N, C-alpha and C. Protein backbone atom coordinates (compact mmCIF):
# COMPACT_ATOMS: atom_id res chain seq x y z
N MET A 1 0.84 -1.17 0.00
CA MET A 1 0.00 0.00 0.00
C MET A 1 0.89 1.24 0.00
N ARG A 2 0.62 2.13 -0.92
CA ARG A 2 1.41 3.33 -1.06
C ARG A 2 0.73 4.49 -0.34
N LYS A 3 1.48 5.20 0.49
CA LYS A 3 0.91 6.35 1.20
C LYS A 3 0.94 7.57 0.29
N ILE A 4 -0.17 8.27 0.28
CA ILE A 4 -0.29 9.49 -0.50
C ILE A 4 -0.31 10.65 0.49
N ARG A 5 0.58 11.59 0.28
CA ARG A 5 0.74 12.67 1.25
C ARG A 5 0.36 14.05 0.70
N SER A 6 -0.04 14.13 -0.55
CA SER A 6 -0.43 15.43 -1.10
C SER A 6 -1.57 15.24 -2.10
N TYR A 7 -2.26 16.34 -2.35
CA TYR A 7 -3.35 16.29 -3.33
C TYR A 7 -2.81 15.95 -4.71
N LYS A 8 -1.65 16.47 -5.04
CA LYS A 8 -1.04 16.18 -6.34
C LYS A 8 -0.79 14.68 -6.50
N GLN A 9 -0.32 14.03 -5.44
CA GLN A 9 -0.11 12.59 -5.48
C GLN A 9 -1.44 11.86 -5.63
N LEU A 10 -2.46 12.35 -4.93
CA LEU A 10 -3.77 11.72 -4.99
C LEU A 10 -4.34 11.74 -6.40
N VAL A 11 -4.35 12.91 -7.03
CA VAL A 11 -4.93 12.98 -8.37
C VAL A 11 -4.08 12.21 -9.38
N GLY A 12 -2.78 12.18 -9.16
CA GLY A 12 -1.91 11.37 -10.02
C GLY A 12 -2.24 9.89 -9.91
N ARG A 13 -2.51 9.44 -8.69
CA ARG A 13 -2.87 8.03 -8.47
C ARG A 13 -4.21 7.70 -9.09
N LEU A 14 -5.16 8.62 -8.99
CA LEU A 14 -6.47 8.39 -9.61
C LEU A 14 -6.32 8.27 -11.13
N ARG A 15 -5.56 9.17 -11.73
CA ARG A 15 -5.33 9.12 -13.18
C ARG A 15 -4.64 7.82 -13.57
N GLN A 16 -3.61 7.44 -12.81
CA GLN A 16 -2.88 6.20 -13.09
C GLN A 16 -3.82 5.00 -13.06
N GLN A 17 -4.67 4.93 -12.06
CA GLN A 17 -5.60 3.80 -11.96
C GLN A 17 -6.60 3.80 -13.11
N ARG A 18 -7.07 4.99 -13.50
CA ARG A 18 -8.00 5.08 -14.64
C ARG A 18 -7.33 4.53 -15.89
N LEU A 19 -6.10 4.93 -16.13
CA LEU A 19 -5.38 4.46 -17.32
C LEU A 19 -5.10 2.96 -17.25
N GLU A 20 -4.78 2.45 -16.06
CA GLU A 20 -4.55 1.01 -15.91
C GLU A 20 -5.80 0.21 -16.22
N LYS A 21 -6.97 0.78 -15.94
CA LYS A 21 -8.23 0.11 -16.26
C LYS A 21 -8.58 0.25 -17.74
N GLY A 22 -7.81 1.10 -18.44
CA GLY A 22 -8.06 1.31 -19.86
C GLY A 22 -9.25 2.22 -20.14
N TRP A 23 -9.60 3.03 -19.16
CA TRP A 23 -10.75 3.92 -19.29
C TRP A 23 -10.34 5.30 -19.76
N SER A 24 -11.20 5.91 -20.53
CA SER A 24 -11.05 7.32 -20.87
C SER A 24 -11.67 8.14 -19.73
N GLN A 25 -11.43 9.42 -19.75
CA GLN A 25 -12.08 10.28 -18.77
C GLN A 25 -13.59 10.21 -18.92
N ARG A 26 -14.06 10.10 -20.14
CA ARG A 26 -15.51 10.01 -20.38
C ARG A 26 -16.09 8.74 -19.77
N GLU A 27 -15.37 7.63 -19.87
CA GLU A 27 -15.87 6.38 -19.28
C GLU A 27 -15.92 6.47 -17.76
N LEU A 28 -14.90 7.08 -17.15
CA LEU A 28 -14.92 7.27 -15.71
C LEU A 28 -16.07 8.20 -15.31
N ALA A 29 -16.29 9.22 -16.10
CA ALA A 29 -17.40 10.14 -15.83
C ALA A 29 -18.73 9.40 -15.85
N GLU A 30 -18.91 8.52 -16.81
CA GLU A 30 -20.16 7.75 -16.88
C GLU A 30 -20.34 6.85 -15.67
N GLU A 31 -19.24 6.27 -15.20
CA GLU A 31 -19.30 5.38 -14.03
C GLU A 31 -19.63 6.14 -12.74
N THR A 32 -19.25 7.40 -12.69
CA THR A 32 -19.41 8.17 -11.46
C THR A 32 -20.58 9.15 -11.48
N GLY A 33 -21.14 9.39 -12.66
CA GLY A 33 -22.21 10.37 -12.77
C GLY A 33 -21.70 11.80 -12.86
N LEU A 34 -20.40 11.94 -13.08
CA LEU A 34 -19.79 13.26 -13.25
C LEU A 34 -19.64 13.55 -14.74
N THR A 35 -19.21 14.75 -15.06
CA THR A 35 -18.93 15.07 -16.45
C THR A 35 -17.47 14.78 -16.76
N GLN A 36 -17.16 14.63 -18.03
CA GLN A 36 -15.78 14.42 -18.45
C GLN A 36 -14.95 15.63 -18.05
N GLN A 37 -15.53 16.82 -18.16
CA GLN A 37 -14.82 18.03 -17.80
C GLN A 37 -14.47 18.04 -16.31
N ALA A 38 -15.37 17.55 -15.47
CA ALA A 38 -15.11 17.49 -14.03
C ALA A 38 -13.95 16.53 -13.74
N ILE A 39 -13.94 15.39 -14.41
CA ILE A 39 -12.85 14.42 -14.23
C ILE A 39 -11.53 15.06 -14.66
N ALA A 40 -11.52 15.74 -15.79
CA ALA A 40 -10.30 16.38 -16.29
C ALA A 40 -9.79 17.42 -15.30
N ARG A 41 -10.69 18.22 -14.74
CA ARG A 41 -10.27 19.27 -13.79
C ARG A 41 -9.74 18.66 -12.50
N ILE A 42 -10.34 17.55 -12.06
CA ILE A 42 -9.84 16.86 -10.87
C ILE A 42 -8.43 16.34 -11.14
N GLU A 43 -8.25 15.66 -12.27
CA GLU A 43 -6.95 15.07 -12.60
C GLU A 43 -5.86 16.12 -12.77
N LYS A 44 -6.22 17.30 -13.23
CA LYS A 44 -5.25 18.39 -13.40
C LYS A 44 -4.99 19.12 -12.09
N GLY A 45 -5.78 18.80 -11.06
CA GLY A 45 -5.62 19.48 -9.78
C GLY A 45 -6.18 20.88 -9.78
N GLU A 46 -7.06 21.17 -10.71
CA GLU A 46 -7.65 22.51 -10.82
C GLU A 46 -8.76 22.75 -9.80
N VAL A 47 -9.34 21.68 -9.31
CA VAL A 47 -10.42 21.78 -8.32
C VAL A 47 -10.17 20.79 -7.19
N SER A 48 -10.76 21.07 -6.07
CA SER A 48 -10.73 20.13 -4.95
C SER A 48 -12.13 19.54 -4.83
N PRO A 49 -12.30 18.28 -5.19
CA PRO A 49 -13.64 17.70 -5.16
C PRO A 49 -14.15 17.53 -3.74
N THR A 50 -15.45 17.48 -3.61
CA THR A 50 -16.04 17.17 -2.31
C THR A 50 -15.68 15.73 -1.94
N LEU A 51 -15.82 15.41 -0.68
CA LEU A 51 -15.56 14.03 -0.27
C LEU A 51 -16.47 13.06 -0.98
N LEU A 52 -17.74 13.42 -1.17
CA LEU A 52 -18.67 12.54 -1.87
C LEU A 52 -18.18 12.26 -3.29
N THR A 53 -17.75 13.30 -3.99
CA THR A 53 -17.23 13.12 -5.35
C THR A 53 -15.98 12.25 -5.33
N LEU A 54 -15.11 12.51 -4.40
CA LEU A 54 -13.89 11.72 -4.29
C LEU A 54 -14.21 10.25 -4.02
N PHE A 55 -15.17 10.00 -3.14
CA PHE A 55 -15.57 8.62 -2.86
C PHE A 55 -16.14 7.94 -4.10
N LYS A 56 -16.91 8.66 -4.90
CA LYS A 56 -17.46 8.10 -6.14
C LYS A 56 -16.34 7.68 -7.09
N VAL A 57 -15.35 8.54 -7.24
CA VAL A 57 -14.23 8.24 -8.15
C VAL A 57 -13.42 7.06 -7.61
N ILE A 58 -13.12 7.07 -6.34
CA ILE A 58 -12.35 5.99 -5.72
C ILE A 58 -13.07 4.66 -5.88
N ALA A 59 -14.38 4.64 -5.62
CA ALA A 59 -15.15 3.40 -5.75
C ALA A 59 -15.18 2.91 -7.19
N ALA A 60 -15.40 3.83 -8.13
CA ALA A 60 -15.45 3.44 -9.55
C ALA A 60 -14.14 2.84 -10.02
N LEU A 61 -13.04 3.31 -9.44
CA LEU A 61 -11.71 2.83 -9.84
C LEU A 61 -11.25 1.62 -9.03
N ASP A 62 -12.14 1.08 -8.19
CA ASP A 62 -11.82 -0.07 -7.35
C ASP A 62 -10.63 0.19 -6.44
N LEU A 63 -10.57 1.40 -5.91
CA LEU A 63 -9.54 1.77 -4.96
C LEU A 63 -10.15 1.81 -3.56
N GLU A 64 -9.30 1.95 -2.58
CA GLU A 64 -9.74 2.03 -1.19
C GLU A 64 -9.05 3.21 -0.52
N LEU A 65 -9.81 3.93 0.27
CA LEU A 65 -9.26 5.07 1.01
C LEU A 65 -9.19 4.67 2.48
N THR A 66 -8.03 4.80 3.05
CA THR A 66 -7.86 4.53 4.47
C THR A 66 -7.24 5.74 5.13
N LEU A 67 -7.60 5.93 6.38
CA LEU A 67 -7.05 7.04 7.16
C LEU A 67 -6.26 6.45 8.31
N ASP A 68 -5.08 6.99 8.50
CA ASP A 68 -4.22 6.55 9.61
C ASP A 68 -3.98 7.72 10.54
N GLN A 69 -3.89 7.42 11.81
CA GLN A 69 -3.56 8.46 12.78
C GLN A 69 -2.09 8.82 12.65
N ARG A 70 -1.83 10.11 12.70
CA ARG A 70 -0.43 10.56 12.65
C ARG A 70 0.27 10.16 13.93
N ARG A 71 1.53 9.92 13.81
CA ARG A 71 2.32 9.54 14.99
C ARG A 71 3.19 10.66 15.41
């Protein structure tokens, strides 16, 4: 499991997973109920999605979000 420590890393991981699944931004948009433009803006880091939107994208990409307590 790879730890993500910044928003830039997060959106990069989402894009990487989308590409590994062989999906276009439009296909991910259809799976999540978002627009292709919204997916593109998220991947470019132009917007900070709501948690609900982020959860939709994570679920569609078969990823898991875990939170760890800082030490």
